[in-house]
All heavy atoms as atom14 arrays in JSON, in Angstrom:
{
  "sequence": "ESARGLKAGEFLLEAMIARAMQLEAEPLYLLSNAKCAAAIHL",
  "atom14_mask": [
    [1, 1, 1, 1, 1, 1, 1, 1, 1, 0, 0, 0, 0, 0],
    [1, 1, 1, 1, 1, 1, 0, 0, 0, 0, 0, 0, 0, 0],
    [1, 1, 1, 1, 1, 0, 0, 0, 0, 0, 0, 0, 0, 0],
    [1, 1, 1, 1, 1, 1, 1, 1, 1, 1, 1, 0, 0, 0],
    [1, 1, 1, 1, 0, 0, 0, 0, 0, 0, 0, 0, 0, 0],
    [1, 1, 1, 1, 1, 1, 1, 1, 0, 0, 0, 0, 0, 0],
    [1, 1, 1, 1, 1, 1, 1, 1, 1, 0, 0, 0, 0, 0],
    [1, 1, 1, 1, 1, 0, 0, 0, 0, 0, 0, 0, 0, 0],
    [1, 1, 1, 1, 0, 0, 0, 0, 0, 0, 0, 0, 0, 0],
    [1, 1, 1, 1, 1, 1, 1, 1, 1, 0, 0, 0, 0, 0],
    [1, 1, 1, 1, 1, 1, 1, 1, 1, 1, 1, 0, 0, 0],
    [1, 1, 1, 1, 1, 1, 1, 1, 0, 0, 0, 0, 0, 0],
    [1, 1, 1, 1, 1, 1, 1, 1, 0, 0, 0, 0, 0, 0],
    [1, 1, 1, 1, 1, 1, 1, 1, 1, 0, 0, 0, 0, 0],
    [1, 1, 1, 1, 1, 0, 0, 0, 0, 0, 0, 0, 0, 0],
    [1, 1, 1, 1, 1, 1, 1, 1, 0, 0, 0, 0, 0, 0],
    [1, 1, 1, 1, 1, 1, 1, 1, 0, 0, 0, 0, 0, 0],
    [1, 1, 1, 1, 1, 0, 0, 0, 0, 0, 0, 0, 0, 0],
    [1, 1, 1, 1, 1, 1, 1, 1, 1, 1, 1, 0, 0, 0],
    [1, 1, 1, 1, 1, 0, 0, 0, 0, 0, 0, 0, 0, 0],
    [1, 1, 1, 1, 1, 1, 1, 1, 0, 0, 0, 0, 0, 0],
    [1, 1, 1, 1, 1, 1, 1, 1, 1, 0, 0, 0, 0, 0],
    [1, 1, 1, 1, 1, 1, 1, 1, 0, 0, 0, 0, 0, 0],
    [1, 1, 1, 1, 1, 1, 1, 1, 1, 0, 0, 0, 0, 0],
    [1, 1, 1, 1, 1, 0, 0, 0, 0, 0, 0, 0, 0, 0],
    [1, 1, 1, 1, 1, 1, 1, 1, 1, 0, 0, 0, 0, 0],
    [1, 1, 1, 1, 1, 1, 1, 0, 0, 0, 0, 0, 0, 0],
    [1, 1, 1, 1, 1, 1, 1, 1, 0, 0, 0, 0, 0, 0],
    [1, 1, 1, 1, 1, 1, 1, 1, 1, 1, 1, 1, 0, 0],
    [1, 1, 1, 1, 1, 1, 1, 1, 0, 0, 0, 0, 0, 0],
    [1, 1, 1, 1, 1, 1, 1, 1, 0, 0, 0, 0, 0, 0],
    [1, 1, 1, 1, 1, 1, 0, 0, 0, 0, 0, 0, 0, 0],
    [1, 1, 1, 1, 1, 1, 1, 1, 0, 0, 0, 0, 0, 0],
    [1, 1, 1, 1, 1, 0, 0, 0, 0, 0, 0, 0, 0, 0],
    [1, 1, 1, 1, 1, 1, 1, 1, 1, 0, 0, 0, 0, 0],
    [1, 1, 1, 1, 1, 1, 0, 0, 0, 0, 0, 0, 0, 0],
    [1, 1, 1, 1, 1, 0, 0, 0, 0, 0, 0, 0, 0, 0],
    [1, 1, 1, 1, 1, 0, 0, 0, 0, 0, 0, 0, 0, 0],
    [1, 1, 1, 1, 1, 0, 0, 0, 0, 0, 0, 0, 0, 0],
    [1, 1, 1, 1, 1, 1, 1, 1, 0, 0, 0, 0, 0, 0],
    [1, 1, 1, 1, 1, 1, 1, 1, 1, 1, 0, 0, 0, 0],
    [1, 1, 1, 1, 1, 1, 1, 1, 0, 0, 0, 0, 0, 0]
  ],
  "atom14_positions": [
    [[122.42, 93.17, 30.66], [123.14, 94.17, 29.88], [123.39, 93.71, 28.44], [123.38, 94.51, 27.52], [124.45, 94.54, 30.57], [124.41, 96.01, 30.86], [125.51, 96.52, 31.73], [125.35, 96.48, 32.95], [126.5, 96.98, 31.14], [0.0, 0.0, 0.0], [0.0, 0.0, 0.0], [0.0, 0.0, 0.0], [0.0, 0.0, 0.0], [0.0, 0.0, 0.0]],
    [[123.56, 92.42, 28.25], [123.83, 91.87, 26.92], [122.68, 92.12, 25.95], [122.86, 92.06, 24.74], [124.09, 90.36, 27.0], [122.94, 89.7, 27.53], [0.0, 0.0, 0.0], [0.0, 0.0, 0.0], [0.0, 0.0, 0.0], [0.0, 0.0, 0.0], [0.0, 0.0, 0.0], [0.0, 0.0, 0.0], [0.0, 0.0, 0.0], [0.0, 0.0, 0.0]],
    [[121.49, 92.43, 26.48], [120.31, 92.63, 25.63], [119.88, 94.09, 25.54], [118.87, 94.4, 24.9], [119.15, 91.79, 26.16], [0.0, 0.0, 0.0], [0.0, 0.0, 0.0], [0.0, 0.0, 0.0], [0.0, 0.0, 0.0], [0.0, 0.0, 0.0], [0.0, 0.0, 0.0], [0.0, 0.0, 0.0], [0.0, 0.0, 0.0], [0.0, 0.0, 0.0]],
    [[120.62, 94.99, 26.16], [120.23, 96.41, 26.11], [120.23, 96.86, 24.65], [121.09, 96.47, 23.87], [121.19, 97.27, 26.94], [121.28, 96.87, 28.4], [120.26, 97.59, 29.29], [120.0, 96.86, 30.52], [120.73, 96.9, 31.62], [121.82, 97.63, 31.65], [120.37, 96.21, 32.69], [0.0, 0.0, 0.0], [0.0, 0.0, 0.0], [0.0, 0.0, 0.0]],
    [[119.23, 97.65, 24.29], [119.12, 98.13, 22.91], [118.24, 97.28, 22.02], [117.9, 97.69, 20.92], [0.0, 0.0, 0.0], [0.0, 0.0, 0.0], [0.0, 0.0, 0.0], [0.0, 0.0, 0.0], [0.0, 0.0, 0.0], [0.0, 0.0, 0.0], [0.0, 0.0, 0.0], [0.0, 0.0, 0.0], [0.0, 0.0, 0.0], [0.0, 0.0, 0.0]],
    [[117.82, 96.1, 22.51], [116.97, 95.22, 21.71], [115.48, 95.48, 21.94], [114.64, 94.82, 21.34], [117.25, 93.74, 22.04], [118.67, 93.24, 21.78], [118.8, 91.78, 22.2], [119.02, 93.39, 20.31], [0.0, 0.0, 0.0], [0.0, 0.0, 0.0], [0.0, 0.0, 0.0], [0.0, 0.0, 0.0], [0.0, 0.0, 0.0], [0.0, 0.0, 0.0]],
    [[115.17, 96.44, 22.82], [113.78, 96.75, 23.21], [113.12, 95.58, 23.94], [111.9, 95.47, 23.97], [112.96, 97.2, 22.01], [113.5, 98.46, 21.35], [112.38, 99.39, 20.98], [112.93, 100.68, 20.39], [112.89, 101.77, 21.31], [0.0, 0.0, 0.0], [0.0, 0.0, 0.0], [0.0, 0.0, 0.0], [0.0, 0.0, 0.0], [0.0, 0.0, 0.0]],
    [[113.93, 94.72, 24.54], [113.4, 93.57, 25.29], [112.6, 94.04, 26.5], [111.56, 93.46, 26.82], [114.54, 92.64, 25.72], [0.0, 0.0, 0.0], [0.0, 0.0, 0.0], [0.0, 0.0, 0.0], [0.0, 0.0, 0.0], [0.0, 0.0, 0.0], [0.0, 0.0, 0.0], [0.0, 0.0, 0.0], [0.0, 0.0, 0.0], [0.0, 0.0, 0.0]],
    [[113.06, 95.1, 27.16], [112.34, 95.61, 28.33], [110.97, 96.16, 27.95], [109.98, 95.9, 28.64], [0.0, 0.0, 0.0], [0.0, 0.0, 0.0], [0.0, 0.0, 0.0], [0.0, 0.0, 0.0], [0.0, 0.0, 0.0], [0.0, 0.0, 0.0], [0.0, 0.0, 0.0], [0.0, 0.0, 0.0], [0.0, 0.0, 0.0], [0.0, 0.0, 0.0]],
    [[110.91, 96.9, 26.86], [109.63, 97.45, 26.4], [108.68, 96.34, 26.0], [107.49, 96.35, 26.35], [109.88, 98.4, 25.22], [108.63, 99.12, 24.77], [108.92, 100.24, 23.77], [110.09, 100.66, 23.62], [107.95, 100.7, 23.15], [0.0, 0.0, 0.0], [0.0, 0.0, 0.0], [0.0, 0.0, 0.0], [0.0, 0.0, 0.0], [0.0, 0.0, 0.0]],
    [[109.19, 95.34, 25.29], [108.39, 94.18, 24.87], [107.83, 93.46, 26.1], [106.64, 93.12, 26.16], [109.29, 93.26, 24.03], [108.59, 92.07, 23.44], [107.71, 92.22, 22.38], [108.84, 90.8, 23.93], [107.08, 91.11, 21.82], [108.23, 89.69, 23.37], [107.34, 89.84, 22.31], [0.0, 0.0, 0.0], [0.0, 0.0, 0.0], [0.0, 0.0, 0.0]],
    [[108.68, 93.25, 27.08], [108.29, 92.57, 28.32], [107.27, 93.4, 29.1], [106.26, 92.87, 29.58], [109.54, 92.32, 29.17], [109.35, 91.66, 30.53], [108.73, 90.28, 30.39], [110.7, 91.56, 31.25], [0.0, 0.0, 0.0], [0.0, 0.0, 0.0], [0.0, 0.0, 0.0], [0.0, 0.0, 0.0], [0.0, 0.0, 0.0], [0.0, 0.0, 0.0]],
    [[107.51, 94.7, 29.22], [106.6, 95.56, 29.97], [105.22, 95.61, 29.29], [104.2, 95.57, 29.98], [107.19, 96.97, 30.11], [106.38, 97.96, 30.94], [106.1, 97.44, 32.35], [107.1, 99.3, 31.01], [0.0, 0.0, 0.0], [0.0, 0.0, 0.0], [0.0, 0.0, 0.0], [0.0, 0.0, 0.0], [0.0, 0.0, 0.0], [0.0, 0.0, 0.0]],
    [[105.18, 95.67, 27.97], [103.9, 95.66, 27.26], [103.13, 94.37, 27.55], [101.92, 94.39, 27.79], [104.11, 95.82, 25.75], [104.49, 97.23, 25.36], [104.89, 97.37, 23.9], [105.16, 96.34, 23.23], [104.94, 98.52, 23.41], [0.0, 0.0, 0.0], [0.0, 0.0, 0.0], [0.0, 0.0, 0.0], [0.0, 0.0, 0.0], [0.0, 0.0, 0.0]],
    [[103.85, 93.24, 27.55], [103.21, 91.95, 27.84], [102.69, 91.91, 29.27], [101.6, 91.39, 29.54], [104.2, 90.8, 27.61], [0.0, 0.0, 0.0], [0.0, 0.0, 0.0], [0.0, 0.0, 0.0], [0.0, 0.0, 0.0], [0.0, 0.0, 0.0], [0.0, 0.0, 0.0], [0.0, 0.0, 0.0], [0.0, 0.0, 0.0], [0.0, 0.0, 0.0]],
    [[103.45, 92.48, 30.2], [103.04, 92.47, 31.6], [101.85, 93.39, 31.85], [100.95, 93.04, 32.61], [104.22, 92.84, 32.49], [104.01, 92.46, 33.92], [103.54, 90.72, 34.19], [105.1, 90.03, 34.69], [0.0, 0.0, 0.0], [0.0, 0.0, 0.0], [0.0, 0.0, 0.0], [0.0, 0.0, 0.0], [0.0, 0.0, 0.0], [0.0, 0.0, 0.0]],
    [[101.8, 94.54, 31.2], [100.64, 95.43, 31.32], [99.4, 94.73, 30.78], [98.33, 94.79, 31.4], [100.9, 96.78, 30.62], [101.95, 97.59, 31.39], [99.59, 97.58, 30.48], [102.46, 98.83, 30.64], [0.0, 0.0, 0.0], [0.0, 0.0, 0.0], [0.0, 0.0, 0.0], [0.0, 0.0, 0.0], [0.0, 0.0, 0.0], [0.0, 0.0, 0.0]],
    [[99.54, 94.06, 29.65], [98.41, 93.33, 29.07], [97.91, 92.26, 30.05], [96.7, 92.1, 30.23], [98.81, 92.69, 27.73], [0.0, 0.0, 0.0], [0.0, 0.0, 0.0], [0.0, 0.0, 0.0], [0.0, 0.0, 0.0], [0.0, 0.0, 0.0], [0.0, 0.0, 0.0], [0.0, 0.0, 0.0], [0.0, 0.0, 0.0], [0.0, 0.0, 0.0]],
    [[98.83, 91.56, 30.7], [98.43, 90.54, 31.67], [97.73, 91.18, 32.86], [96.71, 90.68, 33.35], [99.66, 89.76, 32.14], [99.36, 88.7, 33.18], [98.44, 87.58, 32.63], [99.07, 86.89, 31.54], [99.89, 85.86, 31.7], [100.16, 85.4, 32.9], [100.44, 85.3, 30.65], [0.0, 0.0, 0.0], [0.0, 0.0, 0.0], [0.0, 0.0, 0.0]],
    [[98.24, 92.31, 33.33], [97.61, 93.01, 34.46], [96.2, 93.44, 34.1], [95.29, 93.35, 34.94], [98.46, 94.21, 34.86], [0.0, 0.0, 0.0], [0.0, 0.0, 0.0], [0.0, 0.0, 0.0], [0.0, 0.0, 0.0], [0.0, 0.0, 0.0], [0.0, 0.0, 0.0], [0.0, 0.0, 0.0], [0.0, 0.0, 0.0], [0.0, 0.0, 0.0]],
    [[95.98, 93.87, 32.87], [94.63, 94.26, 32.44], [93.7, 93.05, 32.41], [92.54, 93.15, 32.77], [94.68, 94.97, 31.08], [95.45, 96.3, 31.09], [94.88, 97.54, 32.29], [95.97, 97.29, 33.7], [0.0, 0.0, 0.0], [0.0, 0.0, 0.0], [0.0, 0.0, 0.0], [0.0, 0.0, 0.0], [0.0, 0.0, 0.0], [0.0, 0.0, 0.0]],
    [[94.22, 91.89, 31.99], [93.42, 90.65, 32.03], [93.0, 90.32, 33.46], [91.92, 89.81, 33.7], [94.2, 89.47, 31.46], [94.42, 89.5, 29.97], [95.35, 88.38, 29.5], [96.02, 87.73, 30.29], [95.39, 88.18, 28.2], [0.0, 0.0, 0.0], [0.0, 0.0, 0.0], [0.0, 0.0, 0.0], [0.0, 0.0, 0.0], [0.0, 0.0, 0.0]],
    [[93.89, 90.61, 34.41], [93.61, 90.34, 35.83], [92.79, 91.46, 36.47], [92.48, 91.38, 37.66], [94.94, 90.18, 36.59], [95.79, 88.98, 36.21], [97.17, 89.07, 36.85], [95.09, 87.69, 36.61], [0.0, 0.0, 0.0], [0.0, 0.0, 0.0], [0.0, 0.0, 0.0], [0.0, 0.0, 0.0], [0.0, 0.0, 0.0], [0.0, 0.0, 0.0]],
    [[92.44, 92.48, 35.68], [91.68, 93.64, 36.16], [92.37, 94.31, 37.35], [91.74, 94.68, 38.34], [90.23, 93.24, 36.48], [89.51, 92.7, 35.27], [88.08, 92.26, 35.57], [87.71, 92.13, 36.75], [87.35, 92.05, 34.59], [0.0, 0.0, 0.0], [0.0, 0.0, 0.0], [0.0, 0.0, 0.0], [0.0, 0.0, 0.0], [0.0, 0.0, 0.0]],
    [[93.68, 94.44, 37.23], [94.48, 95.07, 38.29], [94.03, 96.5, 38.54], [93.92, 97.28, 37.6], [95.96, 95.05, 37.9], [0.0, 0.0, 0.0], [0.0, 0.0, 0.0], [0.0, 0.0, 0.0], [0.0, 0.0, 0.0], [0.0, 0.0, 0.0], [0.0, 0.0, 0.0], [0.0, 0.0, 0.0], [0.0, 0.0, 0.0], [0.0, 0.0, 0.0]],
    [[93.78, 96.82, 39.79], [93.41, 98.19, 40.18], [93.75, 98.4, 41.64], [93.07, 97.86, 42.49], [91.93, 98.44, 39.91], [91.47, 99.85, 40.22], [92.32, 100.95, 39.58], [92.72, 100.85, 38.41], [92.62, 101.92, 40.29], [0.0, 0.0, 0.0], [0.0, 0.0, 0.0], [0.0, 0.0, 0.0], [0.0, 0.0, 0.0], [0.0, 0.0, 0.0]],
    [[94.81, 99.11, 41.94], [95.71, 99.74, 40.97], [96.81, 98.78, 40.51], [97.11, 97.8, 41.19], [96.33, 100.86, 41.8], [96.42, 100.29, 43.19], [95.18, 99.43, 43.32], [0.0, 0.0, 0.0], [0.0, 0.0, 0.0], [0.0, 0.0, 0.0], [0.0, 0.0, 0.0], [0.0, 0.0, 0.0], [0.0, 0.0, 0.0], [0.0, 0.0, 0.0]],
    [[97.39, 99.11, 39.36], [98.65, 98.52, 38.91], [99.67, 99.62, 39.18], [99.53, 100.74, 38.7], [98.61, 98.18, 37.42], [99.96, 97.79, 36.8], [100.56, 96.57, 37.48], [99.82, 97.56, 35.3], [0.0, 0.0, 0.0], [0.0, 0.0, 0.0], [0.0, 0.0, 0.0], [0.0, 0.0, 0.0], [0.0, 0.0, 0.0], [0.0, 0.0, 0.0]],
    [[100.65, 99.31, 40.02], [101.6, 100.34, 40.43], [103.0, 99.76, 40.48], [103.2, 98.55, 40.36], [101.21, 100.91, 41.8], [101.35, 99.93, 42.94], [102.51, 99.89, 43.71], [100.34, 99.03, 43.23], [102.65, 98.98, 44.75], [100.47, 98.12, 44.27], [101.62, 98.1, 45.02], [101.76, 97.19, 46.04], [0.0, 0.0, 0.0], [0.0, 0.0, 0.0]],
    [[103.97, 100.65, 40.63], [105.35, 100.22, 40.8], [106.07, 101.17, 41.74], [105.66, 102.32, 41.92], [106.07, 100.14, 39.44], [106.2, 101.42, 38.63], [107.44, 102.22, 39.03], [106.27, 101.08, 37.16], [0.0, 0.0, 0.0], [0.0, 0.0, 0.0], [0.0, 0.0, 0.0], [0.0, 0.0, 0.0], [0.0, 0.0, 0.0], [0.0, 0.0, 0.0]],
    [[107.11, 100.66, 42.34], [107.97, 101.42, 43.24], [109.37, 101.37, 42.67], [109.83, 100.3, 42.26], [107.94, 100.81, 44.64], [106.55, 100.67, 45.26], [106.63, 99.89, 46.57], [105.92, 102.03, 45.49], [0.0, 0.0, 0.0], [0.0, 0.0, 0.0], [0.0, 0.0, 0.0], [0.0, 0.0, 0.0], [0.0, 0.0, 0.0], [0.0, 0.0, 0.0]],
    [[110.05, 102.5, 42.62], [111.37, 102.54, 42.01], [112.25, 103.56, 42.73], [111.93, 104.01, 43.82], [111.25, 102.85, 40.51], [112.49, 102.65, 39.86], [0.0, 0.0, 0.0], [0.0, 0.0, 0.0], [0.0, 0.0, 0.0], [0.0, 0.0, 0.0], [0.0, 0.0, 0.0], [0.0, 0.0, 0.0], [0.0, 0.0, 0.0], [0.0, 0.0, 0.0]],
    [[113.33, 103.89, 42.06], [114.28, 104.87, 42.59], [114.7, 105.77, 41.44], [114.88, 105.3, 40.31], [115.51, 104.14, 43.18], [116.5, 105.09, 43.8], [117.25, 105.76, 43.1], [116.49, 105.16, 45.12], [0.0, 0.0, 0.0], [0.0, 0.0, 0.0], [0.0, 0.0, 0.0], [0.0, 0.0, 0.0], [0.0, 0.0, 0.0], [0.0, 0.0, 0.0]],
    [[114.9, 107.03, 41.74], [115.25, 108.01, 40.71], [116.54, 107.64, 39.96], [116.75, 108.06, 38.83], [115.38, 109.4, 41.33], [0.0, 0.0, 0.0], [0.0, 0.0, 0.0], [0.0, 0.0, 0.0], [0.0, 0.0, 0.0], [0.0, 0.0, 0.0], [0.0, 0.0, 0.0], [0.0, 0.0, 0.0], [0.0, 0.0, 0.0], [0.0, 0.0, 0.0]],
    [[117.41, 106.82, 40.58], [118.63, 106.37, 39.9], [118.31, 105.51, 38.68], [119.14, 105.35, 37.8], [119.51, 105.54, 40.86], [120.28, 106.39, 41.86], [120.95, 105.55, 42.93], [122.12, 104.73, 42.47], [122.83, 104.08, 43.59], [0.0, 0.0, 0.0], [0.0, 0.0, 0.0], [0.0, 0.0, 0.0], [0.0, 0.0, 0.0], [0.0, 0.0, 0.0]],
    [[117.12, 104.93, 38.63], [116.71, 104.05, 37.53], [116.04, 104.88, 36.43], [114.92, 104.59, 35.99], [115.75, 102.98, 38.05], [116.41, 101.98, 39.37], [0.0, 0.0, 0.0], [0.0, 0.0, 0.0], [0.0, 0.0, 0.0], [0.0, 0.0, 0.0], [0.0, 0.0, 0.0], [0.0, 0.0, 0.0], [0.0, 0.0, 0.0], [0.0, 0.0, 0.0]],
    [[116.73, 105.92, 35.97], [116.14, 106.89, 35.04], [115.65, 106.25, 33.74], [114.56, 106.59, 33.26], [117.14, 107.99, 34.74], [0.0, 0.0, 0.0], [0.0, 0.0, 0.0], [0.0, 0.0, 0.0], [0.0, 0.0, 0.0], [0.0, 0.0, 0.0], [0.0, 0.0, 0.0], [0.0, 0.0, 0.0], [0.0, 0.0, 0.0], [0.0, 0.0, 0.0]],
    [[116.4, 105.33, 33.17], [115.99, 104.71, 31.91], [114.71, 103.91, 32.1], [113.79, 103.97, 31.26], [117.11, 103.82, 31.36], [0.0, 0.0, 0.0], [0.0, 0.0, 0.0], [0.0, 0.0, 0.0], [0.0, 0.0, 0.0], [0.0, 0.0, 0.0], [0.0, 0.0, 0.0], [0.0, 0.0, 0.0], [0.0, 0.0, 0.0], [0.0, 0.0, 0.0]],
    [[114.62, 103.19, 33.2], [113.42, 102.41, 33.48], [112.23, 103.33, 33.71], [111.13, 103.09, 33.18], [113.63, 101.51, 34.71], [0.0, 0.0, 0.0], [0.0, 0.0, 0.0], [0.0, 0.0, 0.0], [0.0, 0.0, 0.0], [0.0, 0.0, 0.0], [0.0, 0.0, 0.0], [0.0, 0.0, 0.0], [0.0, 0.0, 0.0], [0.0, 0.0, 0.0]],
    [[112.42, 104.39, 34.45], [111.32, 105.33, 34.73], [110.82, 105.95, 33.43], [109.62, 106.09, 33.21], [111.77, 106.4, 35.75], [111.94, 105.73, 37.13], [110.76, 107.56, 35.82], [112.67, 106.56, 38.15], [0.0, 0.0, 0.0], [0.0, 0.0, 0.0], [0.0, 0.0, 0.0], [0.0, 0.0, 0.0], [0.0, 0.0, 0.0], [0.0, 0.0, 0.0]],
    [[111.74, 106.28, 32.53], [111.35, 106.82, 31.23], [110.48, 105.81, 30.47], [109.46, 106.17, 29.87], [112.59, 107.19, 30.41], [112.26, 107.66, 29.03], [111.7, 108.89, 28.77], [112.39, 107.04, 27.82], [111.51, 109.01, 27.47], [111.92, 107.9, 26.88], [0.0, 0.0, 0.0], [0.0, 0.0, 0.0], [0.0, 0.0, 0.0], [0.0, 0.0, 0.0]],
    [[110.86, 104.53, 30.51], [110.08, 103.48, 29.84], [108.69, 103.36, 30.48], [107.68, 103.25, 29.78], [110.83, 102.15, 29.91], [110.1, 100.94, 29.32], [109.79, 101.14, 27.84], [110.93, 99.68, 29.52], [0.0, 0.0, 0.0], [0.0, 0.0, 0.0], [0.0, 0.0, 0.0], [0.0, 0.0, 0.0], [0.0, 0.0, 0.0], [0.0, 0.0, 0.0]]
  ]
}
């Protein structure tokens, strides 16, 4: 919570997607819950 608003999650997610592409992930997927609306939007 101390880092919310710094775009740390977006920065991290971009890095992780790039890594998944290097690994030729197919599929790259995620499981979540509708309560996590901010994360789902990202």
